[in-house]
N, C-alpha and C. Protein backbone atom coordinates (compact mmCIF):
# COMPACT_ATOMS: atom_id res chain seq x y z
N MET A 1 -8.84 -19.26 43.26
CA MET A 1 -8.03 -18.20 42.69
C MET A 1 -7.01 -17.74 43.71
N ARG A 2 -5.80 -17.49 43.23
CA ARG A 2 -4.73 -17.18 44.16
C ARG A 2 -4.90 -15.80 44.78
N SER A 3 -4.10 -15.54 45.82
CA SER A 3 -4.25 -14.30 46.57
C SER A 3 -3.67 -13.10 45.83
N ASP A 4 -2.87 -13.30 44.76
CA ASP A 4 -2.30 -12.18 44.02
C ASP A 4 -3.24 -11.71 42.91
N ARG A 5 -4.53 -11.74 43.18
CA ARG A 5 -5.51 -11.33 42.17
C ARG A 5 -5.58 -9.81 42.04
N HIS A 6 -4.96 -9.07 42.97
CA HIS A 6 -4.95 -7.61 42.87
C HIS A 6 -3.83 -7.17 41.94
N PRO A 7 -4.12 -6.24 41.01
CA PRO A 7 -3.08 -5.78 40.09
C PRO A 7 -1.92 -5.15 40.86
N PRO A 8 -0.72 -5.18 40.29
CA PRO A 8 0.44 -4.59 40.96
C PRO A 8 0.31 -3.08 41.09
N ALA A 9 1.06 -2.48 41.99
CA ALA A 9 1.03 -1.03 42.18
C ALA A 9 1.46 -0.34 40.90
N GLY A 10 0.75 0.74 40.56
CA GLY A 10 1.07 1.50 39.36
C GLY A 10 0.53 0.89 38.08
N SER A 11 -0.26 -0.15 38.19
CA SER A 11 -0.80 -0.84 37.02
C SER A 11 -1.89 -0.01 36.35
N ALA A 12 -2.03 -0.19 35.03
CA ALA A 12 -3.13 0.43 34.29
C ALA A 12 -4.43 -0.33 34.52
N ILE A 13 -4.35 -1.49 35.14
CA ILE A 13 -5.51 -2.36 35.35
C ILE A 13 -6.17 -2.04 36.69
N THR A 14 -7.50 -1.94 36.67
CA THR A 14 -8.24 -1.77 37.93
C THR A 14 -9.10 -3.01 38.15
N MET A 15 -9.39 -3.30 39.41
CA MET A 15 -10.13 -4.51 39.76
C MET A 15 -11.35 -4.15 40.60
N THR A 16 -12.48 -4.79 40.30
CA THR A 16 -13.68 -4.68 41.13
C THR A 16 -14.26 -6.09 41.29
N GLU A 17 -14.88 -6.32 42.43
CA GLU A 17 -15.50 -7.61 42.69
C GLU A 17 -17.01 -7.44 42.72
N SER A 18 -17.70 -8.43 42.16
CA SER A 18 -19.16 -8.41 42.19
C SER A 18 -19.65 -9.84 42.26
N SER A 19 -20.97 -10.00 42.29
CA SER A 19 -21.54 -11.35 42.34
C SER A 19 -21.25 -12.12 41.05
N ALA A 20 -20.98 -11.39 39.96
CA ALA A 20 -20.70 -12.06 38.68
C ALA A 20 -19.27 -12.58 38.62
N GLY A 21 -18.42 -12.11 39.51
CA GLY A 21 -17.03 -12.53 39.49
C GLY A 21 -16.10 -11.34 39.71
N ILE A 22 -14.84 -11.52 39.37
CA ILE A 22 -13.86 -10.44 39.51
C ILE A 22 -13.69 -9.78 38.14
N ARG A 23 -13.81 -8.47 38.14
CA ARG A 23 -13.78 -7.71 36.90
C ARG A 23 -12.53 -6.85 36.85
N TYR A 24 -11.74 -7.02 35.78
CA TYR A 24 -10.53 -6.22 35.55
C TYR A 24 -10.77 -5.34 34.33
N THR A 25 -10.45 -4.07 34.44
CA THR A 25 -10.62 -3.16 33.31
C THR A 25 -9.34 -2.37 33.09
N TRP A 26 -9.13 -1.94 31.86
CA TRP A 26 -8.00 -1.08 31.51
C TRP A 26 -8.34 -0.37 30.21
N PRO A 27 -7.71 0.77 29.95
CA PRO A 27 -7.98 1.48 28.69
C PRO A 27 -7.55 0.60 27.51
N ALA A 28 -8.44 0.41 26.56
CA ALA A 28 -8.12 -0.43 25.40
C ALA A 28 -7.19 0.29 24.44
N ASP A 29 -7.08 1.60 24.62
CA ASP A 29 -6.25 2.42 23.74
C ASP A 29 -5.20 3.11 24.58
N GLY A 30 -3.97 3.13 24.09
CA GLY A 30 -2.90 3.78 24.83
C GLY A 30 -3.02 5.29 24.85
N SER A 31 -3.75 5.89 23.86
CA SER A 31 -3.84 7.35 23.80
C SER A 31 -4.83 7.86 24.84
N ARG A 32 -4.61 9.04 25.34
CA ARG A 32 -5.44 9.59 26.41
C ARG A 32 -6.13 10.88 25.95
N GLY A 33 -7.40 11.00 26.26
CA GLY A 33 -8.15 12.25 26.12
C GLY A 33 -7.97 12.99 24.82
N LEU A 34 -7.30 14.14 24.88
CA LEU A 34 -7.19 15.04 23.74
C LEU A 34 -5.96 14.76 22.89
N ALA A 35 -5.41 13.57 22.99
CA ALA A 35 -4.17 13.26 22.27
C ALA A 35 -4.33 13.37 20.76
N ASN A 36 -5.53 13.14 20.25
CA ASN A 36 -5.73 13.13 18.80
C ASN A 36 -6.41 14.38 18.27
N VAL A 37 -6.49 15.44 19.07
CA VAL A 37 -7.20 16.64 18.64
C VAL A 37 -6.55 17.26 17.41
N GLY A 38 -5.23 17.39 17.42
CA GLY A 38 -4.52 18.00 16.29
C GLY A 38 -4.72 17.23 15.01
N SER A 39 -4.55 15.90 15.07
CA SER A 39 -4.70 15.10 13.85
C SER A 39 -6.16 15.10 13.38
N THR A 40 -7.11 15.08 14.32
CA THR A 40 -8.52 15.10 13.94
C THR A 40 -8.89 16.42 13.28
N ALA A 41 -8.40 17.54 13.83
CA ALA A 41 -8.67 18.86 13.23
C ALA A 41 -8.09 18.91 11.81
N PHE A 42 -6.88 18.40 11.63
CA PHE A 42 -6.28 18.37 10.30
C PHE A 42 -7.12 17.54 9.33
N LEU A 43 -7.59 16.37 9.79
CA LEU A 43 -8.38 15.51 8.93
C LEU A 43 -9.72 16.14 8.56
N VAL A 44 -10.32 16.89 9.49
CA VAL A 44 -11.58 17.59 9.20
C VAL A 44 -11.34 18.65 8.12
N LEU A 45 -10.25 19.40 8.24
CA LEU A 45 -9.91 20.38 7.20
C LEU A 45 -9.64 19.69 5.86
N TRP A 46 -8.95 18.57 5.91
CA TRP A 46 -8.68 17.83 4.68
C TRP A 46 -9.98 17.36 4.05
N LEU A 47 -10.96 16.94 4.88
CA LEU A 47 -12.25 16.50 4.35
C LEU A 47 -12.99 17.62 3.62
N VAL A 48 -12.82 18.86 4.07
CA VAL A 48 -13.44 20.00 3.37
C VAL A 48 -12.86 20.09 1.96
N GLY A 49 -11.52 20.03 1.86
CA GLY A 49 -10.88 20.03 0.54
C GLY A 49 -11.28 18.82 -0.28
N TRP A 50 -11.38 17.67 0.40
CA TRP A 50 -11.80 16.45 -0.29
C TRP A 50 -13.19 16.61 -0.91
N ALA A 51 -14.13 17.18 -0.14
CA ALA A 51 -15.50 17.36 -0.65
C ALA A 51 -15.51 18.29 -1.85
N MET A 52 -14.68 19.35 -1.82
CA MET A 52 -14.62 20.27 -2.96
C MET A 52 -14.05 19.55 -4.18
N GLY A 53 -12.99 18.77 -4.00
CA GLY A 53 -12.42 18.01 -5.11
C GLY A 53 -13.40 17.01 -5.68
N GLU A 54 -14.12 16.34 -4.81
CA GLU A 54 -15.14 15.37 -5.23
C GLU A 54 -16.22 16.06 -6.06
N ARG A 55 -16.66 17.20 -5.57
CA ARG A 55 -17.72 17.96 -6.28
C ARG A 55 -17.25 18.39 -7.67
N PHE A 56 -16.05 18.96 -7.76
CA PHE A 56 -15.55 19.44 -9.05
C PHE A 56 -15.36 18.29 -10.02
N ALA A 57 -14.89 17.14 -9.53
CA ALA A 57 -14.68 15.97 -10.40
C ALA A 57 -16.02 15.44 -10.93
N ILE A 58 -17.03 15.39 -10.07
CA ILE A 58 -18.34 14.90 -10.50
C ILE A 58 -18.97 15.84 -11.52
N ILE A 59 -18.87 17.14 -11.26
CA ILE A 59 -19.41 18.12 -12.21
C ILE A 59 -18.70 18.01 -13.55
N SER A 60 -17.38 17.87 -13.52
CA SER A 60 -16.60 17.77 -14.75
C SER A 60 -16.94 16.48 -15.51
N LEU A 61 -17.13 15.40 -14.77
CA LEU A 61 -17.39 14.11 -15.39
C LEU A 61 -18.79 14.04 -15.99
N PHE A 62 -19.79 14.46 -15.24
CA PHE A 62 -21.17 14.34 -15.71
C PHE A 62 -21.68 15.59 -16.41
N GLY A 63 -20.90 16.65 -16.37
CA GLY A 63 -21.29 17.87 -17.07
C GLY A 63 -20.79 17.91 -18.50
N GLY A 64 -20.09 16.85 -18.92
CA GLY A 64 -19.62 16.78 -20.31
C GLY A 64 -18.37 17.59 -20.57
N GLU A 65 -17.69 18.07 -19.53
CA GLU A 65 -16.50 18.88 -19.74
C GLU A 65 -15.28 18.05 -20.10
N SER A 66 -15.30 16.76 -19.79
CA SER A 66 -14.16 15.90 -20.12
C SER A 66 -14.64 14.74 -20.98
N THR A 67 -13.82 14.38 -21.97
CA THR A 67 -14.17 13.29 -22.88
C THR A 67 -12.93 12.43 -23.12
N GLY A 68 -13.17 11.23 -23.65
CA GLY A 68 -12.07 10.35 -24.04
C GLY A 68 -11.19 9.93 -22.87
N PRO A 69 -9.85 9.94 -23.10
CA PRO A 69 -8.92 9.50 -22.05
C PRO A 69 -9.01 10.35 -20.78
N ALA A 70 -9.31 11.63 -20.93
CA ALA A 70 -9.45 12.50 -19.75
C ALA A 70 -10.61 12.04 -18.89
N SER A 71 -11.67 11.58 -19.54
CA SER A 71 -12.84 11.08 -18.80
C SER A 71 -12.50 9.80 -18.04
N LEU A 72 -11.74 8.89 -18.69
CA LEU A 72 -11.33 7.65 -18.05
C LEU A 72 -10.43 7.94 -16.85
N PHE A 73 -9.48 8.84 -17.03
CA PHE A 73 -8.60 9.23 -15.93
C PHE A 73 -9.41 9.78 -14.77
N LEU A 74 -10.40 10.60 -15.08
CA LEU A 74 -11.22 11.22 -14.04
C LEU A 74 -12.03 10.17 -13.27
N VAL A 75 -12.52 9.14 -13.97
CA VAL A 75 -13.26 8.07 -13.30
C VAL A 75 -12.36 7.33 -12.31
N VAL A 76 -11.14 6.98 -12.76
CA VAL A 76 -10.19 6.28 -11.88
C VAL A 76 -9.81 7.17 -10.71
N TRP A 77 -9.51 8.43 -10.98
CA TRP A 77 -9.13 9.37 -9.93
C TRP A 77 -10.26 9.54 -8.92
N LEU A 78 -11.49 9.66 -9.42
CA LEU A 78 -12.64 9.85 -8.54
C LEU A 78 -12.84 8.63 -7.64
N CYS A 79 -12.65 7.42 -8.16
CA CYS A 79 -12.78 6.21 -7.33
C CYS A 79 -11.73 6.21 -6.21
N LEU A 80 -10.48 6.48 -6.56
CA LEU A 80 -9.42 6.50 -5.55
C LEU A 80 -9.62 7.63 -4.55
N TRP A 81 -10.05 8.78 -5.03
CA TRP A 81 -10.30 9.94 -4.17
C TRP A 81 -11.42 9.64 -3.18
N THR A 82 -12.45 8.93 -3.65
CA THR A 82 -13.57 8.56 -2.79
C THR A 82 -13.13 7.59 -1.70
N VAL A 83 -12.30 6.59 -2.07
CA VAL A 83 -11.79 5.64 -1.07
C VAL A 83 -10.98 6.37 -0.01
N GLY A 84 -10.12 7.31 -0.44
CA GLY A 84 -9.33 8.10 0.52
C GLY A 84 -10.22 8.92 1.45
N GLY A 85 -11.27 9.50 0.92
CA GLY A 85 -12.19 10.29 1.73
C GLY A 85 -12.95 9.45 2.74
N VAL A 86 -13.36 8.24 2.31
CA VAL A 86 -14.07 7.34 3.23
C VAL A 86 -13.14 6.92 4.37
N ALA A 87 -11.88 6.60 4.04
CA ALA A 87 -10.91 6.22 5.07
C ALA A 87 -10.69 7.37 6.05
N CYS A 88 -10.59 8.58 5.54
CA CYS A 88 -10.40 9.76 6.39
C CYS A 88 -11.62 9.97 7.28
N LEU A 89 -12.81 9.85 6.72
CA LEU A 89 -14.04 10.04 7.49
C LEU A 89 -14.16 8.99 8.60
N MET A 90 -13.81 7.74 8.29
CA MET A 90 -13.86 6.69 9.31
C MET A 90 -12.89 6.99 10.46
N THR A 91 -11.73 7.52 10.11
CA THR A 91 -10.74 7.87 11.13
C THR A 91 -11.25 9.00 12.02
N VAL A 92 -11.87 10.01 11.42
CA VAL A 92 -12.42 11.13 12.20
C VAL A 92 -13.51 10.62 13.14
N VAL A 93 -14.41 9.78 12.63
CA VAL A 93 -15.49 9.24 13.46
C VAL A 93 -14.91 8.44 14.63
N GLN A 94 -13.91 7.61 14.34
CA GLN A 94 -13.29 6.80 15.39
C GLN A 94 -12.59 7.68 16.42
N ASN A 95 -11.94 8.76 15.97
CA ASN A 95 -11.25 9.66 16.90
C ASN A 95 -12.21 10.41 17.80
N LEU A 96 -13.42 10.68 17.33
CA LEU A 96 -14.39 11.46 18.10
C LEU A 96 -15.27 10.60 19.01
N ARG A 97 -15.33 9.31 18.74
CA ARG A 97 -16.17 8.44 19.58
C ARG A 97 -15.53 8.22 20.94
N PRO A 98 -16.34 8.16 21.99
CA PRO A 98 -15.76 7.80 23.30
C PRO A 98 -15.26 6.36 23.25
N LEU A 99 -14.15 6.13 23.91
CA LEU A 99 -13.56 4.80 23.91
C LEU A 99 -14.13 3.95 25.03
N ARG A 100 -14.30 2.67 24.76
CA ARG A 100 -14.75 1.73 25.78
C ARG A 100 -13.54 0.98 26.30
N PRO A 101 -13.45 0.78 27.60
CA PRO A 101 -12.30 0.06 28.14
C PRO A 101 -12.38 -1.44 27.84
N ALA A 102 -11.23 -2.08 27.88
CA ALA A 102 -11.19 -3.54 27.81
C ALA A 102 -11.62 -4.09 29.16
N VAL A 103 -12.32 -5.21 29.15
CA VAL A 103 -12.83 -5.82 30.38
C VAL A 103 -12.50 -7.31 30.38
N LEU A 104 -11.98 -7.79 31.49
CA LEU A 104 -11.75 -9.21 31.68
C LEU A 104 -12.52 -9.61 32.94
N LEU A 105 -13.51 -10.47 32.78
CA LEU A 105 -14.35 -10.92 33.89
C LEU A 105 -14.05 -12.39 34.15
N LEU A 106 -13.63 -12.68 35.36
CA LEU A 106 -13.28 -14.05 35.73
C LEU A 106 -14.24 -14.59 36.76
N ASP A 107 -14.79 -15.77 36.50
CA ASP A 107 -15.48 -16.51 37.55
C ASP A 107 -14.97 -17.95 37.50
N LEU A 108 -15.55 -18.84 38.25
CA LEU A 108 -15.00 -20.20 38.35
C LEU A 108 -15.11 -20.98 37.05
N ASP A 109 -16.16 -20.69 36.26
CA ASP A 109 -16.42 -21.51 35.07
C ASP A 109 -16.14 -20.83 33.74
N GLU A 110 -16.02 -19.50 33.73
CA GLU A 110 -15.99 -18.80 32.46
C GLU A 110 -15.08 -17.57 32.53
N ILE A 111 -14.44 -17.29 31.40
CA ILE A 111 -13.69 -16.05 31.21
C ILE A 111 -14.44 -15.25 30.16
N VAL A 112 -14.77 -14.00 30.49
CA VAL A 112 -15.42 -13.11 29.53
C VAL A 112 -14.43 -11.99 29.24
N TYR A 113 -14.10 -11.80 27.97
CA TYR A 113 -13.16 -10.76 27.59
C TYR A 113 -13.80 -9.85 26.56
N GLU A 114 -13.90 -8.56 26.90
CA GLU A 114 -14.36 -7.54 25.96
C GLU A 114 -13.14 -6.76 25.51
N THR A 115 -12.95 -6.65 24.21
CA THR A 115 -11.73 -6.03 23.68
C THR A 115 -11.69 -4.52 23.90
N GLY A 116 -12.86 -3.89 24.10
CA GLY A 116 -12.90 -2.44 24.18
C GLY A 116 -12.73 -1.83 22.79
N THR A 117 -12.74 -0.51 22.72
CA THR A 117 -12.54 0.16 21.44
C THR A 117 -11.28 1.01 21.53
N ARG A 118 -10.67 1.23 20.40
CA ARG A 118 -9.44 2.03 20.38
C ARG A 118 -9.38 2.88 19.13
N ARG A 119 -8.47 3.82 19.16
CA ARG A 119 -8.28 4.71 18.02
C ARG A 119 -7.49 3.98 16.94
N PRO A 120 -7.72 4.36 15.66
CA PRO A 120 -6.97 3.71 14.60
C PRO A 120 -5.49 4.00 14.74
N ALA A 121 -4.68 3.01 14.44
CA ALA A 121 -3.23 3.16 14.54
C ALA A 121 -2.67 3.42 13.16
N LEU A 122 -2.16 4.62 12.92
CA LEU A 122 -1.57 4.97 11.63
C LEU A 122 -0.08 4.65 11.69
N ARG A 123 0.21 3.35 11.73
CA ARG A 123 1.60 2.93 11.83
C ARG A 123 1.76 1.60 11.11
N SER A 124 2.98 1.27 10.83
CA SER A 124 3.27 0.00 10.19
C SER A 124 3.17 -1.10 11.24
N ASP A 125 2.46 -2.15 10.92
CA ASP A 125 2.30 -3.27 11.83
C ASP A 125 2.37 -4.54 10.99
N SER A 126 3.30 -5.40 11.30
CA SER A 126 3.51 -6.59 10.49
C SER A 126 2.31 -7.53 10.51
N ARG A 127 1.45 -7.40 11.52
CA ARG A 127 0.30 -8.30 11.61
C ARG A 127 -0.90 -7.79 10.82
N ARG A 128 -0.83 -6.54 10.34
CA ARG A 128 -1.95 -5.97 9.61
C ARG A 128 -1.45 -5.37 8.31
N ASN A 129 -2.08 -5.77 7.21
CA ASN A 129 -1.61 -5.32 5.91
C ASN A 129 -2.41 -4.17 5.35
N SER A 130 -3.51 -3.81 5.98
CA SER A 130 -4.38 -2.78 5.43
C SER A 130 -4.88 -1.84 6.52
N PHE A 131 -5.09 -0.58 6.11
CA PHE A 131 -5.58 0.42 7.04
C PHE A 131 -7.04 0.14 7.43
N PHE A 132 -7.88 -0.25 6.45
CA PHE A 132 -9.31 -0.41 6.71
C PHE A 132 -9.62 -1.46 7.78
N PRO A 133 -9.03 -2.68 7.73
CA PRO A 133 -9.32 -3.63 8.81
C PRO A 133 -8.93 -3.11 10.18
N GLU A 134 -7.83 -2.34 10.28
CA GLU A 134 -7.39 -1.78 11.56
C GLU A 134 -8.44 -0.81 12.10
N VAL A 135 -8.97 0.06 11.23
CA VAL A 135 -9.99 1.02 11.66
C VAL A 135 -11.26 0.29 12.09
N LEU A 136 -11.71 -0.65 11.26
CA LEU A 136 -12.95 -1.37 11.56
C LEU A 136 -12.81 -2.20 12.83
N GLU A 137 -11.66 -2.85 13.01
CA GLU A 137 -11.45 -3.66 14.21
C GLU A 137 -11.49 -2.81 15.46
N GLY A 138 -10.87 -1.64 15.41
CA GLY A 138 -10.85 -0.76 16.57
C GLY A 138 -12.21 -0.21 16.94
N MET A 139 -13.12 -0.10 15.95
CA MET A 139 -14.45 0.45 16.21
C MET A 139 -15.35 -0.55 16.93
N ARG A 140 -15.02 -1.83 16.82
CA ARG A 140 -15.87 -2.86 17.43
C ARG A 140 -15.40 -3.21 18.83
N ASN A 141 -16.36 -3.41 19.70
CA ASN A 141 -16.07 -3.94 21.03
C ASN A 141 -16.49 -5.40 21.01
N ARG A 142 -15.55 -6.27 20.75
CA ARG A 142 -15.88 -7.69 20.66
C ARG A 142 -15.92 -8.33 22.04
N THR A 143 -16.88 -9.21 22.23
CA THR A 143 -17.01 -9.95 23.49
C THR A 143 -16.73 -11.43 23.22
N HIS A 144 -15.79 -11.98 23.98
CA HIS A 144 -15.46 -13.41 23.89
C HIS A 144 -15.87 -14.07 25.19
N ARG A 145 -16.74 -15.09 25.11
CA ARG A 145 -17.15 -15.87 26.28
C ARG A 145 -16.47 -17.23 26.16
N ILE A 146 -15.61 -17.53 27.10
CA ILE A 146 -14.79 -18.72 26.99
C ILE A 146 -14.94 -19.57 28.25
N PRO A 147 -15.58 -20.72 28.16
CA PRO A 147 -15.60 -21.62 29.32
C PRO A 147 -14.17 -22.00 29.69
N VAL A 148 -13.86 -21.97 30.97
CA VAL A 148 -12.48 -22.21 31.43
C VAL A 148 -11.96 -23.55 30.94
N ARG A 149 -12.80 -24.56 30.93
CA ARG A 149 -12.33 -25.90 30.52
C ARG A 149 -12.06 -25.98 29.01
N GLU A 150 -12.52 -24.96 28.24
CA GLU A 150 -12.30 -24.97 26.78
C GLU A 150 -11.12 -24.11 26.35
N VAL A 151 -10.42 -23.51 27.30
CA VAL A 151 -9.26 -22.70 26.93
C VAL A 151 -8.16 -23.64 26.45
N GLY A 152 -7.64 -23.35 25.27
CA GLY A 152 -6.53 -24.14 24.73
C GLY A 152 -5.22 -23.62 25.28
N LYS A 153 -4.35 -23.23 24.39
CA LYS A 153 -3.03 -22.75 24.79
C LYS A 153 -3.12 -21.33 25.33
N LEU A 154 -2.50 -21.09 26.48
CA LEU A 154 -2.36 -19.75 27.05
C LEU A 154 -0.89 -19.39 26.90
N GLU A 155 -0.62 -18.30 26.18
CA GLU A 155 0.76 -18.03 25.81
C GLU A 155 1.15 -16.58 26.01
N LEU A 156 2.35 -16.40 26.53
CA LEU A 156 2.97 -15.08 26.62
C LEU A 156 4.26 -15.18 25.81
N GLU A 157 4.28 -14.52 24.66
CA GLU A 157 5.42 -14.66 23.75
C GLU A 157 5.89 -13.31 23.25
N ARG A 158 7.15 -13.25 22.87
CA ARG A 158 7.71 -12.03 22.30
C ARG A 158 7.54 -12.09 20.80
N VAL A 159 6.90 -11.04 20.25
CA VAL A 159 6.71 -10.91 18.81
C VAL A 159 7.37 -9.59 18.41
N GLY A 160 8.51 -9.67 17.79
CA GLY A 160 9.28 -8.46 17.49
C GLY A 160 9.75 -7.84 18.79
N GLU A 161 9.39 -6.59 19.00
CA GLU A 161 9.78 -5.89 20.23
C GLU A 161 8.68 -5.93 21.28
N GLN A 162 7.53 -6.50 20.94
CA GLN A 162 6.38 -6.50 21.84
C GLN A 162 6.17 -7.87 22.48
N LEU A 163 5.64 -7.84 23.69
CA LEU A 163 5.21 -9.05 24.37
C LEU A 163 3.73 -9.24 24.07
N ARG A 164 3.34 -10.43 23.64
CA ARG A 164 1.93 -10.67 23.30
C ARG A 164 1.36 -11.77 24.19
N LEU A 165 0.21 -11.44 24.81
CA LEU A 165 -0.52 -12.40 25.64
C LEU A 165 -1.74 -12.86 24.84
N SER A 166 -1.88 -14.17 24.70
CA SER A 166 -3.01 -14.69 23.93
C SER A 166 -3.45 -16.02 24.51
N LEU A 167 -4.71 -16.35 24.20
CA LEU A 167 -5.20 -17.69 24.54
C LEU A 167 -5.97 -18.22 23.35
N ASP A 168 -5.98 -19.53 23.23
CA ASP A 168 -6.69 -20.19 22.14
C ASP A 168 -8.02 -20.71 22.65
N HIS A 169 -9.06 -20.45 21.84
CA HIS A 169 -10.38 -21.01 22.14
C HIS A 169 -10.94 -21.52 20.83
N GLN A 170 -11.19 -22.82 20.77
CA GLN A 170 -11.62 -23.48 19.55
C GLN A 170 -10.61 -23.17 18.45
N SER A 171 -11.02 -22.54 17.36
CA SER A 171 -10.09 -22.28 16.26
C SER A 171 -9.56 -20.85 16.28
N ARG A 172 -9.83 -20.09 17.34
CA ARG A 172 -9.42 -18.68 17.40
C ARG A 172 -8.29 -18.46 18.39
N ARG A 173 -7.41 -17.55 18.03
CA ARG A 173 -6.40 -17.06 18.96
C ARG A 173 -6.82 -15.65 19.36
N ILE A 174 -7.01 -15.42 20.65
CA ILE A 174 -7.51 -14.14 21.16
C ILE A 174 -6.39 -13.43 21.90
N GLU A 175 -6.04 -12.25 21.39
CA GLU A 175 -4.99 -11.46 22.05
C GLU A 175 -5.62 -10.64 23.16
N ILE A 176 -4.98 -10.63 24.32
CA ILE A 176 -5.50 -9.94 25.49
C ILE A 176 -4.54 -8.83 25.90
N GLY A 177 -5.10 -7.65 26.18
CA GLY A 177 -4.30 -6.53 26.68
C GLY A 177 -3.27 -6.04 25.68
N ARG A 178 -3.71 -5.86 24.46
CA ARG A 178 -2.79 -5.51 23.37
C ARG A 178 -1.91 -4.30 23.68
N ASN A 179 -2.47 -3.26 24.28
CA ASN A 179 -1.69 -2.03 24.50
C ASN A 179 -1.08 -1.95 25.91
N LEU A 180 -1.27 -2.96 26.72
CA LEU A 180 -0.72 -2.92 28.08
C LEU A 180 0.80 -3.02 28.07
N GLY A 181 1.42 -2.51 29.12
CA GLY A 181 2.86 -2.63 29.28
C GLY A 181 3.23 -4.06 29.64
N GLU A 182 4.51 -4.37 29.51
CA GLU A 182 4.97 -5.73 29.76
C GLU A 182 4.70 -6.22 31.18
N PRO A 183 4.93 -5.40 32.23
CA PRO A 183 4.63 -5.91 33.58
C PRO A 183 3.16 -6.30 33.76
N ASP A 184 2.24 -5.50 33.16
CA ASP A 184 0.82 -5.82 33.26
C ASP A 184 0.49 -7.10 32.51
N LYS A 185 1.10 -7.29 31.33
CA LYS A 185 0.85 -8.52 30.57
C LYS A 185 1.38 -9.74 31.33
N GLU A 186 2.55 -9.59 31.94
CA GLU A 186 3.12 -10.70 32.71
C GLU A 186 2.23 -11.04 33.90
N TRP A 187 1.69 -10.00 34.55
CA TRP A 187 0.81 -10.23 35.70
C TRP A 187 -0.49 -10.91 35.25
N LEU A 188 -1.07 -10.42 34.14
CA LEU A 188 -2.30 -11.03 33.62
C LEU A 188 -2.07 -12.49 33.24
N HIS A 189 -0.92 -12.77 32.65
CA HIS A 189 -0.59 -14.15 32.28
C HIS A 189 -0.57 -15.03 33.53
N SER A 190 0.06 -14.53 34.59
CA SER A 190 0.12 -15.29 35.84
C SER A 190 -1.28 -15.48 36.42
N LEU A 191 -2.10 -14.44 36.36
CA LEU A 191 -3.48 -14.54 36.86
C LEU A 191 -4.28 -15.57 36.08
N LEU A 192 -4.21 -15.49 34.74
CA LEU A 192 -4.96 -16.44 33.91
C LEU A 192 -4.43 -17.86 34.10
N ARG A 193 -3.14 -18.00 34.29
CA ARG A 193 -2.55 -19.33 34.52
C ARG A 193 -3.13 -19.96 35.79
N SER A 194 -3.46 -19.11 36.78
CA SER A 194 -4.02 -19.64 38.03
C SER A 194 -5.48 -20.04 37.89
N VAL A 195 -6.15 -19.56 36.82
CA VAL A 195 -7.56 -19.86 36.61
C VAL A 195 -7.74 -21.00 35.61
N VAL A 196 -6.89 -21.01 34.58
CA VAL A 196 -7.02 -21.99 33.50
C VAL A 196 -6.34 -23.30 33.88
N PRO A 197 -7.03 -24.42 33.75
CA PRO A 197 -6.39 -25.69 34.06
C PRO A 197 -5.24 -25.98 33.10
N GLU A 198 -4.24 -26.68 33.56
CA GLU A 198 -3.09 -27.04 32.70
C GLU A 198 -3.60 -27.89 31.54
N SER A 199 -3.12 -27.54 30.31
CA SER A 199 -3.55 -28.32 29.12
C SER A 199 -2.52 -29.39 28.82
């Protein structure tokens, strides 16, 4: 491994050495600490209103107060209202959970990458078409164990306005350091290039 294994000055990446190899960590989520307090408080208040609406709709539906087309409308509305409430609740849970950092562990034979956990991103992203997969993906800390000799393509490419670092292993493309700044991604690419044999 080359001598530039230490992250550059001012990097979000920290490095520690152990008998297992060299361990690099960074926050998997760009948001810090109390950044989501306001939105979480709003969502909790919204959930109170949601629970009241859910209760009134169920009472109206099963209490015989609505019949015919009104009953059908209420069933459809209740289904959509429930989906919205579940999405809101998942977001609140994700916002309140402690975040796990991303970890990249390098040794001579294997790369271990833990994605860490992050807060749900309420933004348009061309790579994701639905809110639910984004929330569920962020809640999981996935671990990828990749033998160095099995790494396929290692790529640093521009996708829209973002730089994306990824490597291929078997049939999967694994994105590394999704929220890192461009200098950190460029440095990680150089580091991984020094570990991964040329394909």
